[in-house]
Amino acid sequence: MRKYLGTYVDIYLQSFYSDLKGQTNEYCQLVNSKIQDLKHDPYRNSELMKGPHKGRRKVRINNSDRLVFIICEECRECGFHTIFRCSDCKTTSECTLIFSNILLGHDYKGSTRW
């Protein structure tokens, strides 16, 4: 599915910053490392989410937390743009990753503890 072979551009939603607030420096460095890897190949080691998170992808940060993001080229190709309705969709490049949030507290089976 990947069309773009360069480094993706990253955009962060306010909810992403809210989830990082209060985390340790080590945790933030781990998240940043994951983001740098994703910018080179966002499809590698990530999986498409279902249900209320349909159209987003997740990748492991550690055993319990997941980094949630959207790949603009996949969003348009699969028709997820009708779900998200981003106001800047037409002006945002397809080679963009939108980091929406961090899901905290997942157990090893993928279901939430809360």
C-alpha atoms as a PDB file:
ATOM      1  CA  MET A   1       0.000   0.000   0.000  1.00  0.00           C
ATOM      2  CA  ARG A   2       2.898   2.349   0.659  1.00  0.00           C
ATOM      3  CA  LYS A   3       3.379   4.813  -2.173  1.00  0.00           C
ATOM      4  CA  TYR A   4       5.733   7.370  -0.680  1.00  0.00           C
ATOM      5  CA  LEU A   5       9.341   6.260  -0.228  1.00  0.00           C
ATOM      6  CA  GLY A   6      10.788   9.304   1.587  1.00  0.00           C
ATOM      7  CA  THR A   7      10.510  10.552   5.147  1.00  0.00           C
ATOM      8  CA  TYR A   8       6.969  11.374   6.235  1.00  0.00           C
ATOM      9  CA  VAL A   9       6.013  14.729   7.753  1.00  0.00           C
ATOM     10  CA  ASP A  10       4.654  14.598  11.301  1.00  0.00           C
ATOM     11  CA  ILE A  11       1.745  16.573  12.774  1.00  0.00           C
ATOM     12  CA  TYR A  12       0.592  16.343  16.388  1.00  0.00           C
ATOM     13  CA  LEU A  13      -2.908  16.892  17.742  1.00  0.00           C
ATOM     14  CA  GLN A  14      -3.473  18.577  21.101  1.00  0.00           C
ATOM     15  CA  SER A  15      -4.702  15.277  22.560  1.00  0.00           C
ATOM     16  CA  PHE A  16      -1.269  13.773  21.840  1.00  0.00           C
ATOM     17  CA  TYR A  17       0.450  16.503  23.870  1.00  0.00           C
ATOM     18  CA  SER A  18      -2.083  16.035  26.677  1.00  0.00           C
ATOM     19  CA  ASP A  19      -1.282  12.315  26.856  1.00  0.00           C
ATOM     20  CA  LEU A  20       2.462  13.042  27.063  1.00  0.00           C
ATOM     21  CA  LYS A  21       2.064  15.647  29.787  1.00  0.00           C
ATOM     22  CA  GLY A  22       3.357  14.376  33.112  1.00  0.00           C
ATOM     23  CA  GLN A  23       5.299  11.466  31.603  1.00  0.00           C
ATOM     24  CA  THR A  24       8.979  10.923  32.429  1.00  0.00           C
ATOM     25  CA  ASN A  25      11.797  12.080  30.158  1.00  0.00           C
ATOM     26  CA  GLU A  26      12.693   8.445  29.441  1.00  0.00           C
ATOM     27  CA  TYR A  27       9.140   7.729  28.326  1.00  0.00           C
ATOM     28  CA  CYS A  28       9.091  10.820  26.085  1.00  0.00           C
ATOM     29  CA  GLN A  29      12.402   9.754  24.534  1.00  0.00           C
ATOM     30  CA  LEU A  30      10.965   6.293  23.854  1.00  0.00           C
ATOM     31  CA  VAL A  31       7.909   7.856  22.168  1.00  0.00           C
ATOM     32  CA  ASN A  32      10.161  10.136  20.112  1.00  0.00           C
ATOM     33  CA  SER A  33      12.240   7.135  19.017  1.00  0.00           C
ATOM     34  CA  LYS A  34       9.071   5.339  17.850  1.00  0.00           C
ATOM     35  CA  ILE A  35       7.967   8.444  15.941  1.00  0.00           C
ATOM     36  CA  GLN A  36      11.329   8.706  14.169  1.00  0.00           C
ATOM     37  CA  ASP A  37      11.038   5.040  13.097  1.00  0.00           C
ATOM     38  CA  LEU A  38       7.471   5.589  11.887  1.00  0.00           C
ATOM     39  CA  LYS A  39       8.490   8.603   9.800  1.00  0.00           C
ATOM     40  CA  HIS A  40      10.611   6.254   7.648  1.00  0.00           C
ATOM     41  CA  ASP A  41       8.071   3.424   7.339  1.00  0.00           C
ATOM     42  CA  PRO A  42       4.736   3.878   9.148  1.00  0.00           C
ATOM     43  CA  TYR A  43       3.321   0.547   7.915  1.00  0.00           C
ATOM     44  CA  ARG A  44       6.099  -1.515   9.508  1.00  0.00           C
ATOM     45  CA  ASN A  45       5.134  -3.000  12.891  1.00  0.00           C
ATOM     46  CA  SER A  46       1.886  -1.030  13.055  1.00  0.00           C
ATOM     47  CA  GLU A  47      -1.616  -2.349  12.733  1.00  0.00           C
ATOM     48  CA  LEU A  48      -4.868  -0.853  11.552  1.00  0.00           C
ATOM     49  CA  MET A  49      -7.358  -0.364  14.366  1.00  0.00           C
ATOM     50  CA  LYS A  50     -11.031  -1.346  14.413  1.00  0.00           C
ATOM     51  CA  GLY A  51     -14.186  -0.172  16.106  1.00  0.00           C
ATOM     52  CA  PRO A  52     -14.242   3.413  17.390  1.00  0.00           C
ATOM     53  CA  HIS A  53     -10.623   3.887  16.258  1.00  0.00           C
ATOM     54  CA  LYS A  54     -11.262   2.697  12.704  1.00  0.00           C
ATOM     55  CA  GLY A  55      -8.859   4.281  10.211  1.00  0.00           C
ATOM     56  CA  ARG A  56      -6.126   4.884  12.752  1.00  0.00           C
ATOM     57  CA  ARG A  57      -3.022   2.774  13.278  1.00  0.00           C
ATOM     58  CA  LYS A  58      -1.308   1.771  16.485  1.00  0.00           C
ATOM     59  CA  VAL A  59       2.220   0.769  17.354  1.00  0.00           C
ATOM     60  CA  ARG A  60       3.603  -0.487  20.659  1.00  0.00           C
ATOM     61  CA  ILE A  61       5.470   1.909  22.892  1.00  0.00           C
ATOM     62  CA  ASN A  62       5.938  -0.661  25.652  1.00  0.00           C
ATOM     63  CA  ASN A  63       3.992  -3.668  26.940  1.00  0.00           C
ATOM     64  CA  SER A  64       0.945  -1.642  27.908  1.00  0.00           C
ATOM     65  CA  ASP A  65       0.893   1.598  25.866  1.00  0.00           C
ATOM     66  CA  ARG A  66       0.123   2.238  22.190  1.00  0.00           C
ATOM     67  CA  LEU A  67       0.947   5.220  19.989  1.00  0.00           C
ATOM     68  CA  VAL A  68      -2.036   6.059  17.758  1.00  0.00           C
ATOM     69  CA  PHE A  69      -1.635   7.812  14.409  1.00  0.00           C
ATOM     70  CA  ILE A  70      -3.151   8.340  10.964  1.00  0.00           C
ATOM     71  CA  ILE A  71      -1.367   7.990   7.621  1.00  0.00           C
ATOM     72  CA  CYS A  72      -2.884  10.521   5.224  1.00  0.00           C
ATOM     73  CA  GLU A  73      -2.249   8.439   2.083  1.00  0.00           C
ATOM     74  CA  GLU A  74      -4.007   5.435   3.627  1.00  0.00           C
ATOM     75  CA  CYS A  75      -6.813   7.631   4.945  1.00  0.00           C
ATOM     76  CA  ARG A  76      -7.611   8.923   1.458  1.00  0.00           C
ATOM     77  CA  GLU A  77      -7.079   5.621  -0.340  1.00  0.00           C
ATOM     78  CA  CYS A  78      -9.349   3.643   2.007  1.00  0.00           C
ATOM     79  CA  GLY A  79     -11.976   6.365   2.360  1.00  0.00           C
ATOM     80  CA  PHE A  80     -11.353   7.078   6.041  1.00  0.00           C
ATOM     81  CA  HIS A  81     -11.358  10.806   5.260  1.00  0.00           C
ATOM     82  CA  THR A  82     -15.153  10.600   5.347  1.00  0.00           C
ATOM     83  CA  ILE A  83     -14.875   9.543   9.013  1.00  0.00           C
ATOM     84  CA  PHE A  84     -12.273  12.076  10.158  1.00  0.00           C
ATOM     85  CA  ARG A  85     -13.341  15.056   8.022  1.00  0.00           C
ATOM     86  CA  CYS A  86     -10.118  16.976   8.640  1.00  0.00           C
ATOM     87  CA  SER A  87     -10.594  20.633   7.763  1.00  0.00           C
ATOM     88  CA  ASP A  88      -7.170  20.781   6.090  1.00  0.00           C
ATOM     89  CA  CYS A  89      -7.400  17.442   4.262  1.00  0.00           C
ATOM     90  CA  LYS A  90      -7.136  18.929   0.776  1.00  0.00           C
ATOM     91  CA  THR A  91      -4.052  20.962   1.636  1.00  0.00           C
ATOM     92  CA  THR A  92      -2.260  18.291   3.701  1.00  0.00           C
ATOM     93  CA  SER A  93       0.249  16.185   1.804  1.00  0.00           C
ATOM     94  CA  GLU A  94      -0.358  12.437   1.491  1.00  0.00           C
ATOM     95  CA  CYS A  95       3.077  11.842   3.029  1.00  0.00           C
ATOM     96  CA  THR A  96       1.881  13.113   6.426  1.00  0.00           C
ATOM     97  CA  LEU A  97       1.493  11.265   9.715  1.00  0.00           C
ATOM     98  CA  ILE A  98      -0.974  12.690  12.213  1.00  0.00           C
ATOM     99  CA  PHE A  99      -0.254  11.581  15.773  1.00  0.00           C
ATOM    100  CA  SER A 100      -3.557  11.691  17.615  1.00  0.00           C
ATOM    101  CA  ASN A 101      -3.007  10.184  21.051  1.00  0.00           C
ATOM    102  CA  ILE A 102      -1.432   7.533  23.250  1.00  0.00           C
ATOM    103  CA  LEU A 103      -3.572   4.712  24.584  1.00  0.00           C
ATOM    104  CA  LEU A 104      -2.357   4.060  28.108  1.00  0.00           C
ATOM    105  CA  GLY A 105      -2.930   0.914  30.117  1.00  0.00           C
ATOM    106  CA  HIS A 106      -3.481  -1.847  27.563  1.00  0.00           C
ATOM    107  CA  ASP A 107      -2.779  -5.355  28.724  1.00  0.00           C
ATOM    108  CA  TYR A 108      -0.891  -7.893  26.635  1.00  0.00           C
ATOM    109  CA  LYS A 109      -4.088  -9.151  24.934  1.00  0.00           C
ATOM    110  CA  GLY A 110      -4.921  -5.716  23.568  1.00  0.00           C
ATOM    111  CA  SER A 111      -7.969  -4.980  25.687  1.00  0.00           C
ATOM    112  CA  THR A 112      -7.983  -2.017  28.030  1.00  0.00           C
ATOM    113  CA  ARG A 113      -7.760  -2.322  31.776  1.00  0.00           C
ATOM    114  CA  TRP A 114     -10.335   0.402  32.300  1.00  0.00           C
END
